[in-house]
N, C-alpha and C. Protein backbone atom coordinates (compact mmCIF):
# COMPACT_ATOMS: atom_id res chain seq x y z
N MET A 1 209.80 -155.50 -109.20
CA MET A 1 209.36 -155.47 -107.82
C MET A 1 209.20 -156.91 -107.33
N ASN A 2 209.77 -157.18 -106.16
CA ASN A 2 209.64 -158.55 -105.65
C ASN A 2 208.31 -158.73 -104.93
N ARG A 3 207.96 -159.96 -104.67
CA ARG A 3 206.66 -160.29 -104.08
C ARG A 3 206.46 -159.66 -102.70
N THR A 4 207.50 -159.61 -101.90
CA THR A 4 207.39 -159.05 -100.56
C THR A 4 206.98 -157.59 -100.61
N THR A 5 207.61 -156.82 -101.47
CA THR A 5 207.29 -155.41 -101.58
C THR A 5 205.84 -155.22 -102.01
N LEU A 6 205.39 -156.04 -102.94
CA LEU A 6 204.01 -155.95 -103.42
C LEU A 6 203.03 -156.25 -102.29
N ILE A 7 203.29 -157.26 -101.50
CA ILE A 7 202.39 -157.63 -100.41
C ILE A 7 202.38 -156.56 -99.33
N VAL A 8 203.52 -155.99 -99.02
CA VAL A 8 203.59 -154.98 -97.96
C VAL A 8 202.66 -153.82 -98.28
N ALA A 9 202.55 -153.45 -99.53
CA ALA A 9 201.70 -152.33 -99.92
C ALA A 9 200.22 -152.62 -99.68
N ASP A 10 199.87 -153.89 -99.48
CA ASP A 10 198.48 -154.30 -99.33
C ASP A 10 198.10 -154.72 -97.91
N TYR A 11 198.90 -154.39 -96.91
CA TYR A 11 198.59 -154.81 -95.54
C TYR A 11 197.23 -154.31 -95.07
N GLY A 12 196.93 -153.07 -95.35
CA GLY A 12 195.65 -152.51 -94.95
C GLY A 12 194.49 -153.24 -95.61
N LYS A 13 194.64 -153.54 -96.89
CA LYS A 13 193.59 -154.26 -97.62
C LYS A 13 193.41 -155.67 -97.05
N LEU A 14 194.52 -156.33 -96.75
CA LEU A 14 194.44 -157.67 -96.16
C LEU A 14 193.78 -157.62 -94.78
N ALA A 15 194.10 -156.60 -94.01
CA ALA A 15 193.47 -156.45 -92.68
C ALA A 15 191.97 -156.23 -92.83
N ASP A 16 191.57 -155.46 -93.84
CA ASP A 16 190.14 -155.26 -94.09
C ASP A 16 189.47 -156.57 -94.49
N GLN A 17 190.14 -157.36 -95.31
CA GLN A 17 189.58 -158.65 -95.72
C GLN A 17 189.48 -159.61 -94.55
N MET A 18 190.42 -159.53 -93.61
CA MET A 18 190.37 -160.38 -92.42
C MET A 18 189.12 -160.12 -91.60
N SER A 19 188.65 -158.89 -91.61
CA SER A 19 187.49 -158.54 -90.79
C SER A 19 186.18 -158.67 -91.55
N GLY A 20 186.24 -159.21 -92.75
CA GLY A 20 185.03 -159.40 -93.54
C GLY A 20 184.19 -160.57 -93.05
N SER A 21 183.02 -160.71 -93.65
CA SER A 21 182.09 -161.76 -93.22
C SER A 21 182.32 -163.10 -93.91
N ASP A 22 183.08 -163.12 -95.00
CA ASP A 22 183.37 -164.37 -95.70
C ASP A 22 184.54 -165.07 -95.01
N SER A 23 184.26 -166.19 -94.37
CA SER A 23 185.29 -166.86 -93.56
C SER A 23 186.46 -167.36 -94.40
N VAL A 24 186.22 -167.78 -95.62
CA VAL A 24 187.31 -168.27 -96.47
C VAL A 24 188.23 -167.12 -96.85
N THR A 25 187.66 -166.01 -97.26
CA THR A 25 188.46 -164.83 -97.61
C THR A 25 189.20 -164.31 -96.39
N SER A 26 188.55 -164.32 -95.24
CA SER A 26 189.16 -163.84 -94.01
C SER A 26 190.37 -164.69 -93.64
N LYS A 27 190.23 -165.99 -93.70
CA LYS A 27 191.35 -166.88 -93.36
C LYS A 27 192.49 -166.76 -94.36
N ALA A 28 192.14 -166.62 -95.64
CA ALA A 28 193.17 -166.46 -96.68
C ALA A 28 193.94 -165.16 -96.47
N ALA A 29 193.25 -164.10 -96.13
CA ALA A 29 193.90 -162.81 -95.89
C ALA A 29 194.82 -162.89 -94.67
N LYS A 30 194.38 -163.57 -93.63
CA LYS A 30 195.20 -163.73 -92.43
C LYS A 30 196.49 -164.49 -92.77
N LEU A 31 196.36 -165.54 -93.54
CA LEU A 31 197.53 -166.32 -93.93
C LEU A 31 198.47 -165.50 -94.80
N GLU A 32 197.92 -164.75 -95.74
CA GLU A 32 198.74 -163.91 -96.61
C GLU A 32 199.47 -162.84 -95.81
N LEU A 33 198.82 -162.29 -94.80
CA LEU A 33 199.44 -161.31 -93.92
C LEU A 33 200.62 -161.94 -93.18
N GLU A 34 200.43 -163.15 -92.68
CA GLU A 34 201.51 -163.85 -91.98
C GLU A 34 202.68 -164.14 -92.91
N VAL A 35 202.38 -164.63 -94.10
CA VAL A 35 203.43 -164.94 -95.08
C VAL A 35 204.23 -163.69 -95.41
N ALA A 36 203.53 -162.58 -95.66
CA ALA A 36 204.20 -161.33 -96.00
C ALA A 36 205.09 -160.85 -94.86
N ALA A 37 204.59 -160.91 -93.64
CA ALA A 37 205.38 -160.44 -92.50
C ALA A 37 206.62 -161.30 -92.28
N HIS A 38 206.45 -162.61 -92.37
CA HIS A 38 207.60 -163.49 -92.16
C HIS A 38 208.60 -163.38 -93.31
N ALA A 39 208.12 -163.14 -94.53
CA ALA A 39 209.03 -162.92 -95.65
C ALA A 39 209.82 -161.63 -95.45
N ALA A 40 209.15 -160.61 -94.93
CA ALA A 40 209.83 -159.34 -94.67
C ALA A 40 210.84 -159.45 -93.54
N ALA A 41 210.68 -160.43 -92.67
CA ALA A 41 211.60 -160.62 -91.55
C ALA A 41 212.86 -161.38 -91.96
N ALA A 42 212.92 -161.84 -93.19
CA ALA A 42 214.08 -162.61 -93.67
C ALA A 42 215.33 -161.72 -93.72
N PRO A 43 216.49 -162.33 -93.55
CA PRO A 43 217.74 -161.56 -93.64
C PRO A 43 217.84 -160.84 -94.98
N GLY A 44 218.33 -159.61 -94.93
CA GLY A 44 218.52 -158.83 -96.15
C GLY A 44 217.29 -158.10 -96.63
N GLN A 45 216.19 -158.21 -95.94
CA GLN A 45 214.93 -157.57 -96.34
C GLN A 45 214.65 -156.34 -95.50
N ASN A 46 215.66 -155.53 -95.26
CA ASN A 46 215.51 -154.39 -94.35
C ASN A 46 214.45 -153.40 -94.78
N VAL A 47 214.40 -153.08 -96.07
CA VAL A 47 213.40 -152.12 -96.55
C VAL A 47 212.00 -152.71 -96.42
N ALA A 48 211.83 -153.97 -96.85
CA ALA A 48 210.53 -154.63 -96.74
C ALA A 48 210.12 -154.77 -95.28
N ARG A 49 211.09 -155.04 -94.43
CA ARG A 49 210.82 -155.20 -92.99
C ARG A 49 210.29 -153.89 -92.40
N ALA A 50 210.94 -152.79 -92.73
CA ALA A 50 210.52 -151.49 -92.21
C ALA A 50 209.13 -151.12 -92.72
N LYS A 51 208.87 -151.38 -94.00
CA LYS A 51 207.55 -151.09 -94.56
C LYS A 51 206.47 -151.96 -93.93
N ALA A 52 206.80 -153.23 -93.71
CA ALA A 52 205.84 -154.14 -93.08
C ALA A 52 205.52 -153.68 -91.67
N ALA A 53 206.54 -153.32 -90.92
CA ALA A 53 206.33 -152.87 -89.54
C ALA A 53 205.47 -151.62 -89.50
N LYS A 54 205.74 -150.65 -90.38
CA LYS A 54 204.94 -149.43 -90.40
C LYS A 54 203.49 -149.75 -90.74
N SER A 55 203.28 -150.60 -91.73
CA SER A 55 201.92 -150.97 -92.12
C SER A 55 201.20 -151.69 -90.98
N LEU A 56 201.90 -152.56 -90.29
CA LEU A 56 201.29 -153.29 -89.18
C LEU A 56 200.98 -152.37 -88.00
N VAL A 57 201.83 -151.39 -87.76
CA VAL A 57 201.55 -150.41 -86.71
C VAL A 57 200.28 -149.65 -87.07
N ASP A 58 200.14 -149.28 -88.34
CA ASP A 58 198.93 -148.58 -88.78
C ASP A 58 197.69 -149.44 -88.55
N VAL A 59 197.79 -150.74 -88.84
CA VAL A 59 196.66 -151.64 -88.61
C VAL A 59 196.36 -151.75 -87.12
N ALA A 60 197.39 -151.89 -86.30
CA ALA A 60 197.20 -152.02 -84.85
C ALA A 60 196.55 -150.78 -84.25
N LYS A 61 196.85 -149.62 -84.79
CA LYS A 61 196.31 -148.37 -84.26
C LYS A 61 194.95 -148.01 -84.87
N SER A 62 194.48 -148.81 -85.79
CA SER A 62 193.23 -148.50 -86.48
C SER A 62 192.02 -148.88 -85.63
N ASN A 63 190.86 -148.71 -86.19
CA ASN A 63 189.61 -149.08 -85.52
C ASN A 63 189.09 -150.41 -86.01
N ARG A 64 189.95 -151.24 -86.54
CA ARG A 64 189.52 -152.55 -87.02
C ARG A 64 189.18 -153.44 -85.82
N PRO A 65 188.55 -154.59 -86.07
CA PRO A 65 188.19 -155.48 -84.96
C PRO A 65 189.40 -155.90 -84.13
N ARG A 66 189.14 -156.20 -82.88
CA ARG A 66 190.19 -156.57 -81.93
C ARG A 66 191.11 -157.66 -82.43
N LEU A 67 190.57 -158.73 -82.98
CA LEU A 67 191.41 -159.85 -83.42
C LEU A 67 192.35 -159.46 -84.55
N VAL A 68 191.91 -158.59 -85.44
CA VAL A 68 192.77 -158.12 -86.53
C VAL A 68 193.91 -157.29 -85.96
N ARG A 69 193.58 -156.40 -85.05
CA ARG A 69 194.60 -155.55 -84.43
C ARG A 69 195.58 -156.38 -83.59
N ALA A 70 195.06 -157.35 -82.87
CA ALA A 70 195.92 -158.21 -82.05
C ALA A 70 196.86 -159.02 -82.94
N HIS A 71 196.36 -159.47 -84.07
CA HIS A 71 197.21 -160.24 -84.99
C HIS A 71 198.31 -159.35 -85.56
N ALA A 72 197.97 -158.11 -85.88
CA ALA A 72 198.99 -157.17 -86.37
C ALA A 72 200.07 -156.96 -85.31
N LEU A 73 199.66 -156.83 -84.07
CA LEU A 73 200.64 -156.67 -82.98
C LEU A 73 201.53 -157.90 -82.85
N ARG A 74 200.95 -159.06 -83.00
CA ARG A 74 201.74 -160.29 -82.94
C ARG A 74 202.82 -160.28 -84.02
N LEU A 75 202.44 -159.87 -85.22
CA LEU A 75 203.39 -159.84 -86.33
C LEU A 75 204.42 -158.73 -86.19
N ILE A 76 204.04 -157.61 -85.56
CA ILE A 76 205.00 -156.54 -85.29
C ILE A 76 206.15 -157.07 -84.44
N GLY A 77 205.85 -158.00 -83.58
CA GLY A 77 206.89 -158.60 -82.75
C GLY A 77 207.98 -159.28 -83.56
N PHE A 78 207.68 -159.70 -84.78
CA PHE A 78 208.67 -160.36 -85.64
C PHE A 78 209.44 -159.38 -86.52
N VAL A 79 208.81 -158.28 -86.92
CA VAL A 79 209.44 -157.37 -87.88
C VAL A 79 209.76 -156.00 -87.31
N GLY A 80 209.30 -155.71 -86.11
CA GLY A 80 209.42 -154.38 -85.55
C GLY A 80 210.80 -154.02 -85.03
N SER A 81 211.03 -152.72 -84.95
CA SER A 81 212.26 -152.17 -84.40
C SER A 81 211.93 -151.41 -83.12
N LYS A 82 212.95 -150.80 -82.50
CA LYS A 82 212.71 -150.02 -81.29
C LYS A 82 211.71 -148.89 -81.57
N ALA A 83 211.81 -148.29 -82.75
CA ALA A 83 210.88 -147.21 -83.10
C ALA A 83 209.44 -147.73 -83.18
N ASP A 84 209.27 -148.94 -83.69
CA ASP A 84 207.94 -149.52 -83.78
C ASP A 84 207.41 -149.87 -82.39
N ALA A 85 208.30 -150.31 -81.52
CA ALA A 85 207.90 -150.60 -80.14
C ALA A 85 207.41 -149.32 -79.47
N ALA A 86 208.11 -148.22 -79.72
CA ALA A 86 207.68 -146.94 -79.16
C ALA A 86 206.35 -146.51 -79.76
N ALA A 87 206.14 -146.82 -81.04
CA ALA A 87 204.90 -146.42 -81.71
C ALA A 87 203.67 -147.14 -81.15
N VAL A 88 203.86 -148.36 -80.68
CA VAL A 88 202.72 -149.11 -80.14
C VAL A 88 202.65 -149.05 -78.61
N ALA A 89 203.60 -148.36 -78.01
CA ALA A 89 203.62 -148.29 -76.54
C ALA A 89 202.35 -147.67 -75.98
N GLY A 90 201.76 -146.75 -76.70
CA GLY A 90 200.53 -146.13 -76.24
C GLY A 90 199.36 -147.09 -76.20
N LEU A 91 199.46 -148.20 -76.91
CA LEU A 91 198.39 -149.19 -76.93
C LEU A 91 198.43 -150.12 -75.72
N THR A 92 199.47 -150.05 -74.92
CA THR A 92 199.59 -150.97 -73.78
C THR A 92 198.50 -150.76 -72.74
N LYS A 93 197.89 -149.59 -72.74
CA LYS A 93 196.81 -149.31 -71.79
C LYS A 93 195.43 -149.51 -72.41
N HIS A 94 195.41 -149.93 -73.66
CA HIS A 94 194.13 -150.16 -74.34
C HIS A 94 193.45 -151.38 -73.71
N PRO A 95 192.17 -151.29 -73.37
CA PRO A 95 191.51 -152.39 -72.67
C PRO A 95 191.41 -153.69 -73.47
N GLU A 96 191.37 -153.59 -74.80
CA GLU A 96 191.21 -154.81 -75.60
C GLU A 96 192.53 -155.39 -76.08
N ILE A 97 193.49 -154.55 -76.45
CA ILE A 97 194.72 -155.05 -77.06
C ILE A 97 195.97 -154.67 -76.28
N GLY A 98 195.80 -154.18 -75.07
CA GLY A 98 196.95 -153.76 -74.26
C GLY A 98 197.95 -154.87 -74.01
N GLN A 99 197.45 -156.05 -73.68
CA GLN A 99 198.35 -157.18 -73.42
C GLN A 99 199.09 -157.60 -74.70
N ASP A 100 198.41 -157.55 -75.84
CA ASP A 100 199.03 -157.89 -77.12
C ASP A 100 200.15 -156.89 -77.44
N ALA A 101 199.92 -155.62 -77.13
CA ALA A 101 200.95 -154.60 -77.36
C ALA A 101 202.16 -154.85 -76.47
N LYS A 102 201.93 -155.21 -75.22
CA LYS A 102 203.04 -155.49 -74.30
C LYS A 102 203.87 -156.67 -74.79
N ILE A 103 203.21 -157.70 -75.27
CA ILE A 103 203.91 -158.88 -75.78
C ILE A 103 204.73 -158.51 -77.02
N ALA A 104 204.16 -157.70 -77.91
CA ALA A 104 204.89 -157.28 -79.10
C ALA A 104 206.15 -156.51 -78.71
N ILE A 105 206.02 -155.62 -77.75
CA ILE A 105 207.17 -154.82 -77.31
C ILE A 105 208.24 -155.72 -76.70
N ARG A 106 207.83 -156.66 -75.87
CA ARG A 106 208.80 -157.61 -75.28
C ARG A 106 209.50 -158.43 -76.35
N ARG A 107 208.75 -158.86 -77.35
CA ARG A 107 209.32 -159.67 -78.43
C ARG A 107 210.35 -158.86 -79.22
N ILE A 108 210.03 -157.60 -79.48
CA ILE A 108 210.98 -156.73 -80.20
C ILE A 108 212.25 -156.54 -79.37
N GLN A 109 212.09 -156.25 -78.08
CA GLN A 109 213.24 -156.03 -77.21
C GLN A 109 214.11 -157.28 -77.10
N ALA A 110 213.50 -158.45 -77.08
CA ALA A 110 214.24 -159.69 -76.94
C ALA A 110 215.03 -160.02 -78.20
N ALA A 111 214.58 -159.53 -79.35
CA ALA A 111 215.23 -159.85 -80.62
C ALA A 111 216.49 -159.02 -80.85
N LYS A 112 216.66 -157.96 -80.11
CA LYS A 112 217.79 -157.06 -80.35
C LYS A 112 218.95 -157.38 -79.46
């Protein structure tokens, strides 16, 4: 199993760590989430990319803190597909993360 696949399986755990009270652990989890998403966006990583996008959509739709959800939406913009854009479309009217969802959808549409 390559490193990207291993990290993708832990997106929810990393999102939980991001919302913790330990600032060092929170920052490390945020960085690890970014590294995993960008690694999944690399050419030839189609399976990892799809898994990363699904995991990030799950984080964005969760009840985690706003900043964690907004960060997941930002990363969805790099790894998401049209299906992922449709999955987060319902969040565009959300009062806290609606604008982040709109940006993610625009980013996905621009990449295709």
